[in-house]
Amino acid sequence: MTRSRRAALLPLLCLLLPFGLTACGGEDDGPVDGVEVESTVEGGEEVGTDLVTFELPDGWAVLDQEAMTERAGSDANPMLEEMSERLGLTPEQLASQMDAVELYAAAPGGAVDGFLTNVNLIEQPMPPGGLPDAEGLRPELMAFADEVGDIGAFESEGGLAGLRAEYTVASDGLEVRGQQLYVEVEDQLVIISVSAARAEDAAEVADLVEQSLGAA
């Protein structure tokens, strides 16, 4: 797999799962059927991994990583086959990459316009050459997105600098608006993906993530 295709694959891993989240559980369940809620965000507390932390809105659910990885790489994810075709991979090859996802979180209140607003985070070794600039990232995003919007640099209040990109992916009449943040931490590429049916919802959550993002 080429460096360009590998870099395009990384954000796709974050995007794949949201299409599998369009159907929510019942009122007494977590946001995703059969997936346990590990914790619920309260009072501006941070979530994250061993590399980074950031804030999410109150009421968001952090979901069981192992169960979500299994769901994203199974037939329960209706987008697995289509997205693997966009990247020239088999569904099995793409599913095997799901271990890169370190964190899954979903908004309360169920689906909006048929889609559950959510955040995913992946970590991978930094590709050779480091993080590309904005225009270098654009063609890699276009490998899977139907439309790529603004790409620009940012620096969080916690001192992490990186790139933020917005894009749209459409399938079967559903349009998902994505915002992704790319940062390098300890020689690792961290990609945080915010996905929602409405562009303003994705932007609002991505703004909070960008502002609060810091090294763990």
N, C-alpha and C. Protein backbone atom coordinates (compact mmCIF):
# COMPACT_ATOMS: atom_id res chain seq x y z
N MET A 1 0.85 -1.19 0.00
CA MET A 1 0.00 0.00 0.00
C MET A 1 0.89 1.25 0.00
N THR A 2 0.63 2.21 -0.87
CA THR A 2 1.45 3.40 -0.96
C THR A 2 1.22 4.31 0.24
N ARG A 3 2.17 5.24 0.45
CA ARG A 3 2.02 6.19 1.55
C ARG A 3 0.72 6.97 1.41
N SER A 4 0.41 7.42 0.17
CA SER A 4 -0.80 8.22 -0.04
C SER A 4 -2.05 7.42 0.29
N ARG A 5 -2.09 6.17 -0.18
CA ARG A 5 -3.27 5.36 0.09
C ARG A 5 -3.38 5.03 1.57
N ARG A 6 -2.22 4.80 2.21
CA ARG A 6 -2.23 4.51 3.65
C ARG A 6 -2.76 5.71 4.42
N ALA A 7 -2.32 6.92 4.04
CA ALA A 7 -2.78 8.12 4.74
C ALA A 7 -4.26 8.34 4.52
N ALA A 8 -4.76 8.00 3.35
CA ALA A 8 -6.20 8.13 3.09
C ALA A 8 -6.98 7.11 3.90
N LEU A 9 -6.38 5.93 4.12
CA LEU A 9 -7.07 4.89 4.87
C LEU A 9 -7.29 5.27 6.32
N LEU A 10 -6.34 5.98 6.91
CA LEU A 10 -6.43 6.29 8.34
C LEU A 10 -7.71 7.04 8.69
N PRO A 11 -8.03 8.16 8.03
CA PRO A 11 -9.28 8.82 8.37
C PRO A 11 -10.50 8.01 7.99
N LEU A 12 -10.38 7.17 6.98
CA LEU A 12 -11.51 6.34 6.60
C LEU A 12 -11.90 5.40 7.72
N LEU A 13 -10.94 4.90 8.46
CA LEU A 13 -11.26 4.01 9.58
C LEU A 13 -12.19 4.70 10.56
N CYS A 14 -11.98 5.99 10.77
CA CYS A 14 -12.84 6.75 11.67
C CYS A 14 -14.22 6.97 11.08
N LEU A 15 -14.28 7.02 9.76
CA LEU A 15 -15.55 7.31 9.11
C LEU A 15 -16.42 6.08 8.96
N LEU A 16 -15.80 4.93 8.81
CA LEU A 16 -16.55 3.71 8.56
C LEU A 16 -17.60 3.44 9.62
N LEU A 17 -17.20 3.55 10.87
CA LEU A 17 -18.09 3.20 11.95
C LEU A 17 -19.36 4.05 12.00
N PRO A 18 -19.29 5.37 11.79
CA PRO A 18 -20.49 6.15 11.91
C PRO A 18 -21.64 5.67 11.04
N PHE A 19 -21.35 5.14 9.84
CA PHE A 19 -22.44 4.63 9.02
C PHE A 19 -23.09 3.43 9.68
N GLY A 20 -22.32 2.68 10.46
CA GLY A 20 -22.88 1.57 11.19
C GLY A 20 -23.64 1.98 12.43
N LEU A 21 -23.63 3.28 12.76
CA LEU A 21 -24.30 3.77 13.96
C LEU A 21 -25.63 4.43 13.67
N THR A 22 -26.10 4.34 12.44
CA THR A 22 -27.32 5.06 12.10
C THR A 22 -28.54 4.49 12.81
N ALA A 23 -28.48 3.24 13.25
CA ALA A 23 -29.56 2.65 14.02
C ALA A 23 -29.15 2.60 15.48
N CYS A 24 -29.95 3.22 16.34
CA CYS A 24 -29.60 3.31 17.76
C CYS A 24 -30.36 2.28 18.57
N GLY A 25 -29.91 2.11 19.80
CA GLY A 25 -30.60 1.22 20.71
C GLY A 25 -31.84 1.88 21.28
N GLY A 26 -32.52 1.16 22.16
CA GLY A 26 -33.71 1.69 22.79
C GLY A 26 -33.38 2.65 23.90
N GLU A 27 -34.41 3.18 24.54
CA GLU A 27 -34.21 4.19 25.58
C GLU A 27 -33.41 3.66 26.76
N ASP A 28 -33.52 2.35 27.02
CA ASP A 28 -32.82 1.79 28.17
C ASP A 28 -31.43 1.28 27.81
N ASP A 29 -31.07 1.38 26.55
CA ASP A 29 -29.79 0.88 26.09
C ASP A 29 -28.84 2.03 25.84
N GLY A 30 -27.56 1.68 25.47
CA GLY A 30 -26.63 2.69 25.03
C GLY A 30 -26.95 3.13 23.62
N PRO A 31 -26.14 4.01 23.06
CA PRO A 31 -26.41 4.53 21.72
C PRO A 31 -26.39 3.47 20.63
N VAL A 32 -25.64 2.37 20.85
CA VAL A 32 -25.50 1.33 19.83
C VAL A 32 -25.93 0.00 20.42
N ASP A 33 -26.82 -0.71 19.71
CA ASP A 33 -27.32 -1.99 20.20
C ASP A 33 -26.18 -2.95 20.50
N GLY A 34 -26.23 -3.55 21.67
CA GLY A 34 -25.27 -4.58 22.03
C GLY A 34 -23.89 -4.08 22.41
N VAL A 35 -23.72 -2.77 22.56
CA VAL A 35 -22.42 -2.20 22.91
C VAL A 35 -22.54 -1.48 24.25
N GLU A 36 -21.68 -1.87 25.18
CA GLU A 36 -21.72 -1.30 26.52
C GLU A 36 -21.16 0.12 26.54
N VAL A 37 -21.76 0.97 27.37
CA VAL A 37 -21.25 2.31 27.61
C VAL A 37 -20.22 2.24 28.73
N GLU A 38 -18.98 2.63 28.44
CA GLU A 38 -17.94 2.58 29.46
C GLU A 38 -18.04 3.74 30.44
N SER A 39 -18.40 4.91 29.94
CA SER A 39 -18.54 6.08 30.81
C SER A 39 -19.39 7.12 30.12
N THR A 40 -19.92 8.05 30.90
CA THR A 40 -20.71 9.15 30.38
C THR A 40 -20.04 10.46 30.79
N VAL A 41 -19.87 11.35 29.83
CA VAL A 41 -19.17 12.61 30.08
C VAL A 41 -20.05 13.52 30.92
N GLU A 42 -19.48 14.08 32.00
CA GLU A 42 -20.20 14.99 32.88
C GLU A 42 -19.29 16.15 33.27
N GLY A 43 -19.84 17.34 33.29
CA GLY A 43 -19.15 18.50 33.84
C GLY A 43 -17.86 18.88 33.15
N GLY A 44 -17.79 18.70 31.84
CA GLY A 44 -16.60 19.12 31.11
C GLY A 44 -15.39 18.23 31.34
N GLU A 45 -15.60 17.01 31.86
CA GLU A 45 -14.46 16.13 32.06
C GLU A 45 -13.87 15.69 30.72
N GLU A 46 -12.59 15.34 30.73
CA GLU A 46 -11.89 14.99 29.50
C GLU A 46 -11.97 13.50 29.22
N VAL A 47 -11.89 13.16 27.94
CA VAL A 47 -11.75 11.78 27.49
C VAL A 47 -10.45 11.71 26.70
N GLY A 48 -10.04 10.50 26.33
CA GLY A 48 -8.84 10.41 25.52
C GLY A 48 -8.13 9.08 25.64
N THR A 49 -6.83 9.10 25.30
CA THR A 49 -5.99 7.91 25.27
C THR A 49 -4.70 8.20 26.03
N ASP A 50 -3.73 7.31 25.87
CA ASP A 50 -2.44 7.54 26.52
C ASP A 50 -1.67 8.69 25.87
N LEU A 51 -2.09 9.13 24.68
CA LEU A 51 -1.38 10.19 23.97
C LEU A 51 -2.04 11.55 24.09
N VAL A 52 -3.37 11.60 24.00
CA VAL A 52 -4.07 12.89 23.99
C VAL A 52 -5.33 12.83 24.83
N THR A 53 -5.77 14.01 25.27
CA THR A 53 -7.06 14.16 25.93
C THR A 53 -7.80 15.35 25.33
N PHE A 54 -9.12 15.35 25.46
CA PHE A 54 -9.94 16.46 24.96
C PHE A 54 -11.31 16.38 25.61
N GLU A 55 -12.07 17.45 25.47
CA GLU A 55 -13.41 17.51 26.04
C GLU A 55 -14.46 17.15 25.00
N LEU A 56 -15.56 16.60 25.49
CA LEU A 56 -16.76 16.37 24.69
C LEU A 56 -17.95 16.98 25.45
N PRO A 57 -19.05 17.25 24.76
CA PRO A 57 -20.21 17.82 25.44
C PRO A 57 -20.76 16.89 26.52
N ASP A 58 -21.39 17.46 27.51
CA ASP A 58 -22.00 16.67 28.58
C ASP A 58 -23.00 15.67 28.00
N GLY A 59 -23.01 14.50 28.60
CA GLY A 59 -23.97 13.47 28.21
C GLY A 59 -23.47 12.52 27.14
N TRP A 60 -22.34 12.83 26.53
CA TRP A 60 -21.82 11.92 25.51
C TRP A 60 -21.39 10.61 26.16
N ALA A 61 -21.50 9.51 25.42
CA ALA A 61 -21.14 8.18 25.91
C ALA A 61 -19.84 7.71 25.27
N VAL A 62 -18.90 7.26 26.10
CA VAL A 62 -17.70 6.58 25.61
C VAL A 62 -18.04 5.09 25.55
N LEU A 63 -17.86 4.49 24.37
CA LEU A 63 -18.34 3.14 24.11
C LEU A 63 -17.22 2.11 24.22
N ASP A 64 -17.61 0.87 24.50
CA ASP A 64 -16.66 -0.22 24.63
C ASP A 64 -15.88 -0.41 23.33
N GLN A 65 -14.57 -0.29 23.42
CA GLN A 65 -13.71 -0.30 22.24
C GLN A 65 -13.76 -1.64 21.50
N GLU A 66 -13.63 -2.74 22.23
CA GLU A 66 -13.58 -4.05 21.59
C GLU A 66 -14.88 -4.36 20.86
N ALA A 67 -16.00 -4.08 21.49
CA ALA A 67 -17.30 -4.36 20.87
C ALA A 67 -17.52 -3.50 19.64
N MET A 68 -17.10 -2.24 19.71
CA MET A 68 -17.28 -1.36 18.57
C MET A 68 -16.37 -1.76 17.41
N THR A 69 -15.15 -2.21 17.71
CA THR A 69 -14.25 -2.67 16.66
C THR A 69 -14.84 -3.86 15.93
N GLU A 70 -15.43 -4.77 16.69
CA GLU A 70 -16.06 -5.94 16.07
C GLU A 70 -17.23 -5.52 15.19
N ARG A 71 -18.02 -4.56 15.67
CA ARG A 71 -19.18 -4.12 14.90
C ARG A 71 -18.76 -3.41 13.61
N ALA A 72 -17.74 -2.56 13.71
CA ALA A 72 -17.30 -1.80 12.54
C ALA A 72 -16.76 -2.70 11.45
N GLY A 73 -16.16 -3.83 11.83
CA GLY A 73 -15.57 -4.72 10.84
C GLY A 73 -16.46 -5.88 10.45
N SER A 74 -17.74 -5.81 10.81
CA SER A 74 -18.65 -6.93 10.53
C SER A 74 -19.74 -6.51 9.55
N ASP A 75 -20.62 -7.45 9.24
CA ASP A 75 -21.74 -7.17 8.35
C ASP A 75 -22.71 -6.16 8.95
N ALA A 76 -22.59 -5.87 10.26
CA ALA A 76 -23.45 -4.87 10.88
C ALA A 76 -23.14 -3.47 10.39
N ASN A 77 -21.98 -3.29 9.78
CA ASN A 77 -21.60 -1.99 9.21
C ASN A 77 -21.94 -2.00 7.72
N PRO A 78 -23.01 -1.32 7.30
CA PRO A 78 -23.44 -1.38 5.91
C PRO A 78 -22.49 -0.69 4.94
N MET A 79 -21.55 0.11 5.45
CA MET A 79 -20.66 0.85 4.56
C MET A 79 -19.32 0.14 4.34
N LEU A 80 -19.09 -0.98 4.99
CA LEU A 80 -17.79 -1.63 4.90
C LEU A 80 -17.43 -1.99 3.47
N GLU A 81 -18.36 -2.59 2.75
CA GLU A 81 -18.07 -3.01 1.38
C GLU A 81 -17.87 -1.82 0.45
N GLU A 82 -18.76 -0.83 0.54
CA GLU A 82 -18.63 0.32 -0.35
C GLU A 82 -17.34 1.09 -0.12
N MET A 83 -16.99 1.32 1.16
CA MET A 83 -15.78 2.09 1.44
C MET A 83 -14.52 1.32 1.08
N SER A 84 -14.53 0.01 1.24
CA SER A 84 -13.36 -0.76 0.84
C SER A 84 -13.17 -0.68 -0.67
N GLU A 85 -14.26 -0.67 -1.43
CA GLU A 85 -14.16 -0.53 -2.88
C GLU A 85 -13.57 0.82 -3.26
N ARG A 86 -13.93 1.87 -2.54
CA ARG A 86 -13.39 3.20 -2.84
C ARG A 86 -11.88 3.24 -2.70
N LEU A 87 -11.35 2.42 -1.79
CA LEU A 87 -9.91 2.41 -1.55
C LEU A 87 -9.19 1.26 -2.24
N GLY A 88 -9.92 0.44 -3.00
CA GLY A 88 -9.29 -0.66 -3.70
C GLY A 88 -8.86 -1.79 -2.79
N LEU A 89 -9.58 -1.99 -1.68
CA LEU A 89 -9.28 -3.05 -0.73
C LEU A 89 -10.45 -4.01 -0.64
N THR A 90 -10.20 -5.19 -0.09
CA THR A 90 -11.31 -6.08 0.22
C THR A 90 -11.90 -5.68 1.57
N PRO A 91 -13.17 -6.01 1.83
CA PRO A 91 -13.73 -5.71 3.15
C PRO A 91 -12.92 -6.33 4.28
N GLU A 92 -12.35 -7.52 4.04
CA GLU A 92 -11.56 -8.17 5.07
C GLU A 92 -10.28 -7.40 5.36
N GLN A 93 -9.64 -6.87 4.31
CA GLN A 93 -8.43 -6.07 4.51
C GLN A 93 -8.73 -4.80 5.30
N LEU A 94 -9.84 -4.16 4.97
CA LEU A 94 -10.19 -2.94 5.68
C LEU A 94 -10.57 -3.23 7.12
N ALA A 95 -11.35 -4.30 7.32
CA ALA A 95 -11.76 -4.65 8.68
C ALA A 95 -10.57 -4.97 9.57
N SER A 96 -9.50 -5.52 8.97
CA SER A 96 -8.33 -5.87 9.77
C SER A 96 -7.62 -4.66 10.34
N GLN A 97 -7.91 -3.47 9.79
CA GLN A 97 -7.28 -2.24 10.26
C GLN A 97 -8.03 -1.60 11.43
N MET A 98 -9.15 -2.16 11.83
CA MET A 98 -9.98 -1.52 12.83
C MET A 98 -9.34 -1.42 14.22
N ASP A 99 -8.29 -2.22 14.44
CA ASP A 99 -7.62 -2.15 15.74
C ASP A 99 -6.95 -0.80 15.96
N ALA A 100 -6.80 0.00 14.88
CA ALA A 100 -6.18 1.33 15.03
C ALA A 100 -7.10 2.29 15.77
N VAL A 101 -8.39 1.97 15.87
CA VAL A 101 -9.33 2.87 16.54
C VAL A 101 -9.20 2.68 18.04
N GLU A 102 -8.86 3.77 18.74
CA GLU A 102 -8.60 3.72 20.16
C GLU A 102 -9.76 4.22 21.01
N LEU A 103 -10.68 4.98 20.43
CA LEU A 103 -11.76 5.57 21.22
C LEU A 103 -12.99 5.78 20.34
N TYR A 104 -14.14 5.42 20.88
CA TYR A 104 -15.43 5.66 20.25
C TYR A 104 -16.32 6.41 21.23
N ALA A 105 -16.98 7.45 20.79
CA ALA A 105 -17.93 8.18 21.64
C ALA A 105 -19.11 8.62 20.79
N ALA A 106 -20.28 8.68 21.40
CA ALA A 106 -21.49 9.03 20.67
C ALA A 106 -22.34 10.01 21.46
N ALA A 107 -23.07 10.84 20.74
CA ALA A 107 -23.91 11.86 21.35
C ALA A 107 -25.17 11.23 21.95
N PRO A 108 -25.74 11.87 22.99
CA PRO A 108 -27.00 11.39 23.55
C PRO A 108 -28.17 11.80 22.65
N GLY A 109 -29.31 11.18 22.89
CA GLY A 109 -30.52 11.61 22.21
C GLY A 109 -30.86 10.89 20.93
N GLY A 110 -30.04 9.93 20.52
CA GLY A 110 -30.36 9.16 19.33
C GLY A 110 -29.96 9.85 18.04
N ALA A 111 -30.36 9.23 16.93
CA ALA A 111 -29.98 9.71 15.61
C ALA A 111 -30.66 11.03 15.28
N VAL A 112 -29.95 11.87 14.54
CA VAL A 112 -30.49 13.12 14.00
C VAL A 112 -30.47 13.00 12.49
N ASP A 113 -31.63 13.16 11.86
CA ASP A 113 -31.73 12.99 10.41
C ASP A 113 -31.16 11.65 9.97
N GLY A 114 -31.40 10.61 10.77
CA GLY A 114 -31.00 9.26 10.41
C GLY A 114 -29.57 8.90 10.72
N PHE A 115 -28.86 9.74 11.49
CA PHE A 115 -27.44 9.48 11.75
C PHE A 115 -27.09 9.87 13.17
N LEU A 116 -26.26 9.05 13.82
CA LEU A 116 -25.86 9.28 15.20
C LEU A 116 -24.55 10.07 15.23
N THR A 117 -24.57 11.28 15.74
CA THR A 117 -23.38 12.11 15.85
C THR A 117 -22.35 11.42 16.74
N ASN A 118 -21.10 11.37 16.30
CA ASN A 118 -20.11 10.61 17.06
C ASN A 118 -18.70 11.10 16.80
N VAL A 119 -17.79 10.65 17.67
CA VAL A 119 -16.37 10.96 17.57
C VAL A 119 -15.59 9.65 17.66
N ASN A 120 -14.60 9.51 16.79
CA ASN A 120 -13.70 8.38 16.84
C ASN A 120 -12.26 8.88 16.82
N LEU A 121 -11.36 8.12 17.41
CA LEU A 121 -9.94 8.50 17.44
C LEU A 121 -9.09 7.30 17.07
N ILE A 122 -8.13 7.52 16.17
CA ILE A 122 -7.19 6.47 15.83
C ILE A 122 -5.77 6.96 16.05
N GLU A 123 -4.88 6.00 16.24
CA GLU A 123 -3.45 6.29 16.40
C GLU A 123 -2.66 5.33 15.52
N GLN A 124 -1.70 5.87 14.77
CA GLN A 124 -0.84 5.07 13.90
C GLN A 124 0.54 5.69 13.89
N PRO A 125 1.58 4.91 13.59
CA PRO A 125 2.90 5.52 13.40
C PRO A 125 2.84 6.60 12.32
N MET A 126 3.54 7.70 12.54
CA MET A 126 3.56 8.78 11.57
C MET A 126 4.13 8.28 10.24
N PRO A 127 3.43 8.53 9.12
CA PRO A 127 3.94 8.08 7.82
C PRO A 127 5.28 8.74 7.50
N PRO A 128 6.10 8.10 6.66
CA PRO A 128 7.37 8.72 6.24
C PRO A 128 7.12 10.11 5.65
N GLY A 129 7.94 11.04 6.04
CA GLY A 129 7.75 12.41 5.56
C GLY A 129 6.91 13.26 6.48
N GLY A 130 6.30 12.64 7.50
CA GLY A 130 5.52 13.41 8.45
C GLY A 130 4.15 13.80 7.95
N LEU A 131 3.49 14.66 8.70
CA LEU A 131 2.15 15.12 8.37
C LEU A 131 2.21 16.01 7.13
N PRO A 132 1.42 15.73 6.09
CA PRO A 132 1.45 16.59 4.91
C PRO A 132 0.86 17.96 5.21
N ASP A 133 1.11 18.91 4.31
CA ASP A 133 0.47 20.21 4.45
C ASP A 133 -0.96 20.11 3.95
N ALA A 134 -1.68 21.23 4.02
CA ALA A 134 -3.11 21.22 3.69
C ALA A 134 -3.38 20.71 2.28
N GLU A 135 -2.63 21.20 1.31
CA GLU A 135 -2.88 20.80 -0.07
C GLU A 135 -2.39 19.39 -0.34
N GLY A 136 -1.41 18.92 0.44
CA GLY A 136 -1.00 17.53 0.31
C GLY A 136 -2.02 16.57 0.87
N LEU A 137 -2.77 17.02 1.87
CA LEU A 137 -3.80 16.18 2.47
C LEU A 137 -5.05 16.09 1.61
N ARG A 138 -5.35 17.12 0.86
CA ARG A 138 -6.60 17.16 0.09
C ARG A 138 -6.79 15.96 -0.83
N PRO A 139 -5.82 15.60 -1.69
CA PRO A 139 -6.06 14.45 -2.57
C PRO A 139 -6.21 13.14 -1.81
N GLU A 140 -5.60 13.05 -0.63
CA GLU A 140 -5.75 11.83 0.15
C GLU A 140 -7.17 11.71 0.70
N LEU A 141 -7.74 12.83 1.13
CA LEU A 141 -9.13 12.81 1.57
C LEU A 141 -10.08 12.53 0.41
N MET A 142 -9.75 13.04 -0.75
CA MET A 142 -10.61 12.84 -1.90
C MET A 142 -10.62 11.40 -2.38
N ALA A 143 -9.73 10.57 -1.84
CA ALA A 143 -9.73 9.16 -2.19
C ALA A 143 -11.01 8.46 -1.72
N PHE A 144 -11.68 9.03 -0.70
CA PHE A 144 -12.91 8.40 -0.22
C PHE A 144 -14.06 9.37 -0.05
N ALA A 145 -13.80 10.67 0.09
CA ALA A 145 -14.87 11.63 0.34
C ALA A 145 -15.50 12.08 -0.98
N ASP A 146 -16.78 12.43 -0.94
CA ASP A 146 -17.46 12.96 -2.12
C ASP A 146 -17.18 14.44 -2.29
N GLU A 147 -16.90 15.12 -1.21
CA GLU A 147 -16.58 16.55 -1.27
C GLU A 147 -15.63 16.89 -0.13
N VAL A 148 -14.59 17.65 -0.43
CA VAL A 148 -13.63 18.08 0.58
C VAL A 148 -13.69 19.60 0.68
N GLY A 149 -13.90 20.11 1.88
CA GLY A 149 -14.03 21.55 2.09
C GLY A 149 -12.73 22.16 2.56
N ASP A 150 -12.82 23.03 3.55
CA ASP A 150 -11.65 23.75 4.04
C ASP A 150 -10.69 22.82 4.77
N ILE A 151 -9.40 23.07 4.55
CA ILE A 151 -8.33 22.39 5.30
C ILE A 151 -7.40 23.48 5.79
N GLY A 152 -7.16 23.52 7.08
CA GLY A 152 -6.31 24.58 7.63
C GLY A 152 -5.57 24.15 8.87
N ALA A 153 -4.57 24.92 9.23
CA ALA A 153 -3.77 24.63 10.42
C ALA A 153 -4.48 25.14 11.67
N PHE A 154 -4.19 24.52 12.82
CA PHE A 154 -4.72 24.98 14.10
C PHE A 154 -3.69 24.74 15.18
N GLU A 155 -3.86 25.43 16.29
CA GLU A 155 -3.09 25.16 17.51
C GLU A 155 -4.04 25.23 18.68
N SER A 156 -4.09 24.17 19.45
CA SER A 156 -5.01 24.10 20.58
C SER A 156 -4.50 24.90 21.75
N GLU A 157 -5.40 25.16 22.70
CA GLU A 157 -5.00 25.86 23.92
C GLU A 157 -4.01 25.02 24.72
N GLY A 158 -4.02 23.71 24.48
CA GLY A 158 -3.07 22.83 25.16
C GLY A 158 -1.72 22.74 24.47
N GLY A 159 -1.54 23.49 23.37
CA GLY A 159 -0.25 23.56 22.72
C GLY A 159 0.00 22.56 21.61
N LEU A 160 -1.01 21.80 21.20
CA LEU A 160 -0.84 20.86 20.09
C LEU A 160 -1.22 21.54 18.78
N ALA A 161 -0.37 21.40 17.77
CA ALA A 161 -0.60 22.00 16.46
C ALA A 161 -0.82 20.90 15.43
N GLY A 162 -1.71 21.17 14.47
CA GLY A 162 -1.97 20.18 13.44
C GLY A 162 -2.84 20.74 12.34
N LEU A 163 -3.55 19.85 11.66
CA LEU A 163 -4.43 20.23 10.57
C LEU A 163 -5.86 19.84 10.91
N ARG A 164 -6.81 20.62 10.38
CA ARG A 164 -8.23 20.31 10.52
C ARG A 164 -8.87 20.37 9.15
N ALA A 165 -9.65 19.35 8.81
CA ALA A 165 -10.25 19.25 7.49
C ALA A 165 -11.74 18.95 7.62
N GLU A 166 -12.51 19.43 6.64
CA GLU A 166 -13.93 19.11 6.60
C GLU A 166 -14.26 18.45 5.26
N TYR A 167 -15.24 17.56 5.29
CA TYR A 167 -15.58 16.82 4.08
C TYR A 167 -17.00 16.26 4.21
N THR A 168 -17.50 15.72 3.11
CA THR A 168 -18.83 15.10 3.06
C THR A 168 -18.71 13.75 2.37
N VAL A 169 -19.38 12.76 2.92
CA VAL A 169 -19.50 11.45 2.31
C VAL A 169 -20.98 11.13 2.17
N ALA A 170 -21.39 10.71 0.99
CA ALA A 170 -22.80 10.43 0.72
C ALA A 170 -22.98 8.97 0.29
N SER A 171 -24.08 8.36 0.73
CA SER A 171 -24.40 7.00 0.33
C SER A 171 -25.88 6.74 0.60
N ASP A 172 -26.56 6.17 -0.38
CA ASP A 172 -27.96 5.77 -0.22
C ASP A 172 -28.83 6.92 0.31
N GLY A 173 -28.60 8.11 -0.20
CA GLY A 173 -29.41 9.26 0.18
C GLY A 173 -29.03 9.90 1.49
N LEU A 174 -28.02 9.37 2.18
CA LEU A 174 -27.58 9.93 3.46
C LEU A 174 -26.27 10.67 3.25
N GLU A 175 -26.22 11.92 3.72
CA GLU A 175 -24.99 12.70 3.66
C GLU A 175 -24.44 12.87 5.08
N VAL A 176 -23.19 12.53 5.25
CA VAL A 176 -22.53 12.68 6.55
C VAL A 176 -21.46 13.75 6.43
N ARG A 177 -21.51 14.70 7.35
CA ARG A 177 -20.53 15.80 7.39
C ARG A 177 -19.44 15.43 8.38
N GLY A 178 -18.21 15.48 7.92
CA GLY A 178 -17.08 15.11 8.77
C GLY A 178 -16.13 16.26 9.02
N GLN A 179 -15.57 16.28 10.20
CA GLN A 179 -14.48 17.19 10.55
C GLN A 179 -13.39 16.33 11.18
N GLN A 180 -12.15 16.47 10.69
CA GLN A 180 -11.07 15.66 11.23
C GLN A 180 -9.90 16.53 11.64
N LEU A 181 -9.30 16.16 12.77
CA LEU A 181 -8.13 16.86 13.30
C LEU A 181 -6.95 15.88 13.29
N TYR A 182 -5.83 16.36 12.76
CA TYR A 182 -4.63 15.54 12.62
C TYR A 182 -3.51 16.19 13.44
N VAL A 183 -2.92 15.44 14.35
CA VAL A 183 -1.80 15.95 15.13
C VAL A 183 -0.74 14.86 15.28
N GLU A 184 0.50 15.28 15.48
CA GLU A 184 1.59 14.36 15.75
C GLU A 184 1.92 14.44 17.23
N VAL A 185 1.93 13.27 17.89
CA VAL A 185 2.26 13.19 19.31
C VAL A 185 3.18 11.99 19.51
N GLU A 186 4.37 12.23 19.98
CA GLU A 186 5.33 11.16 20.27
C GLU A 186 5.52 10.24 19.07
N ASP A 187 5.74 10.82 17.90
CA ASP A 187 5.97 10.09 16.65
C ASP A 187 4.76 9.28 16.20
N GLN A 188 3.60 9.57 16.77
CA GLN A 188 2.37 8.92 16.34
C GLN A 188 1.45 9.93 15.66
N LEU A 189 0.74 9.45 14.64
CA LEU A 189 -0.28 10.26 13.98
C LEU A 189 -1.61 10.00 14.68
N VAL A 190 -2.18 11.04 15.27
CA VAL A 190 -3.48 10.95 15.93
C VAL A 190 -4.52 11.65 15.06
N ILE A 191 -5.59 10.95 14.72
CA ILE A 191 -6.66 11.52 13.91
C ILE A 191 -7.96 11.40 14.70
N ILE A 192 -8.56 12.53 14.97
CA ILE A 192 -9.85 12.59 15.67
C ILE A 192 -10.91 12.98 14.66
N SER A 193 -11.91 12.15 14.52
CA SER A 193 -12.94 12.34 13.51
C SER A 193 -14.28 12.63 14.17
N VAL A 194 -14.91 13.72 13.76
CA VAL A 194 -16.25 14.09 14.23
C VAL A 194 -17.19 13.96 13.05
N SER A 195 -18.25 13.19 13.21
CA SER A 195 -19.19 12.95 12.12
C SER A 195 -20.62 13.22 12.57
N ALA A 196 -21.38 13.88 11.70
CA ALA A 196 -22.77 14.24 12.02
C ALA A 196 -23.56 14.40 10.73
N ALA A 197 -24.87 14.35 10.84
CA ALA A 197 -25.71 14.58 9.67
C ALA A 197 -25.73 16.06 9.29
N ARG A 198 -25.54 16.93 10.27
CA ARG A 198 -25.59 18.37 10.04
C ARG A 198 -24.20 18.97 10.19
N ALA A 199 -23.83 19.80 9.22
CA ALA A 199 -22.49 20.41 9.24
C ALA A 199 -22.26 21.22 10.50
N GLU A 200 -23.29 21.93 10.97
CA GLU A 200 -23.11 22.77 12.14
C GLU A 200 -22.88 21.94 13.40
N ASP A 201 -23.47 20.74 13.47
CA ASP A 201 -23.25 19.87 14.63
C ASP A 201 -21.81 19.35 14.64
N ALA A 202 -21.32 18.93 13.47
CA ALA A 202 -19.93 18.46 13.38
C ALA A 202 -18.96 19.57 13.74
N ALA A 203 -19.23 20.77 13.25
CA ALA A 203 -18.33 21.90 13.51
C ALA A 203 -18.31 22.27 14.98
N GLU A 204 -19.47 22.25 15.64
CA GLU A 204 -19.55 22.63 17.05
C GLU A 204 -18.73 21.68 17.92
N VAL A 205 -18.86 20.38 17.68
CA VAL A 205 -18.11 19.42 18.47
C VAL A 205 -16.62 19.50 18.14
N ALA A 206 -16.29 19.66 16.85
CA ALA A 206 -14.89 19.77 16.46
C ALA A 206 -14.23 21.01 17.06
N ASP A 207 -14.99 22.09 17.18
CA ASP A 207 -14.45 23.28 17.83
C ASP A 207 -14.05 23.01 19.27
N LEU A 208 -14.90 22.27 19.99
CA LEU A 208 -14.62 21.94 21.39
C LEU A 208 -13.40 21.03 21.47
N VAL A 209 -13.33 20.03 20.59
CA VAL A 209 -12.18 19.13 20.59
C VAL A 209 -10.90 19.90 20.31
N GLU A 210 -10.92 20.76 19.28
CA GLU A 210 -9.73 21.54 18.94
C GLU A 210 -9.27 22.42 20.09
N GLN A 211 -10.21 23.11 20.70
CA GLN A 211 -9.87 24.03 21.79
C GLN A 211 -9.24 23.32 22.98
N SER A 212 -9.78 22.14 23.32
CA SER A 212 -9.38 21.46 24.55
C SER A 212 -8.29 20.42 24.35
N LEU A 213 -7.89 20.15 23.12
CA LEU A 213 -6.95 19.07 22.82
C LEU A 213 -5.58 19.34 23.45
N GLY A 214 -5.07 18.32 24.13
CA GLY A 214 -3.76 18.44 24.74
C GLY A 214 -3.08 17.09 24.87
N ALA A 215 -1.81 17.09 25.13
CA ALA A 215 -1.07 15.84 25.35
C ALA A 215 -1.48 15.24 26.69
N ALA A 216 -1.56 13.92 26.73
CA ALA A 216 -1.97 13.23 27.96
C ALA A 216 -0.86 13.30 29.02
